Amino acid sequence: MFQGGCYEEKSGYGVNMEKTLKSKLTMNPTMMQRFWALIEAVRVNMPLSLDDRSLGKWLIRQVTVQGTFDTREAAILSDYIDSRLPLIRDMVQEY
């Protein structure tokens, strides 16, 4: 919806605000290390028969249930997981 010179989404944030917020959310080395340690811990129980979207959701649920990441970090991690699913599947299948 166009209002006052920018498009607004239903959340109330303008498109420019959404891009600014998302650009500040990045994975740091500590988060990556914690994530890959979690993958190692859950690999035996990982349901590889799920499609990519479902597996990504399953992984996010694991990081939040286990308390490895807080809600903000889990949101950042979601994009990272989506871009690494083929690698995650390959690593888990090798074991």
Foldseek 3Di string as FASTA:
>chain_A
DDDDHFDADPVGDTPVRVVVVLVVQADDPVLVVLLVVVLVVCLVVQPPVDDLVVSLVVSLCSCVVVVSDDPSNSVNVSVVSSVCVVVSSVVSVVD
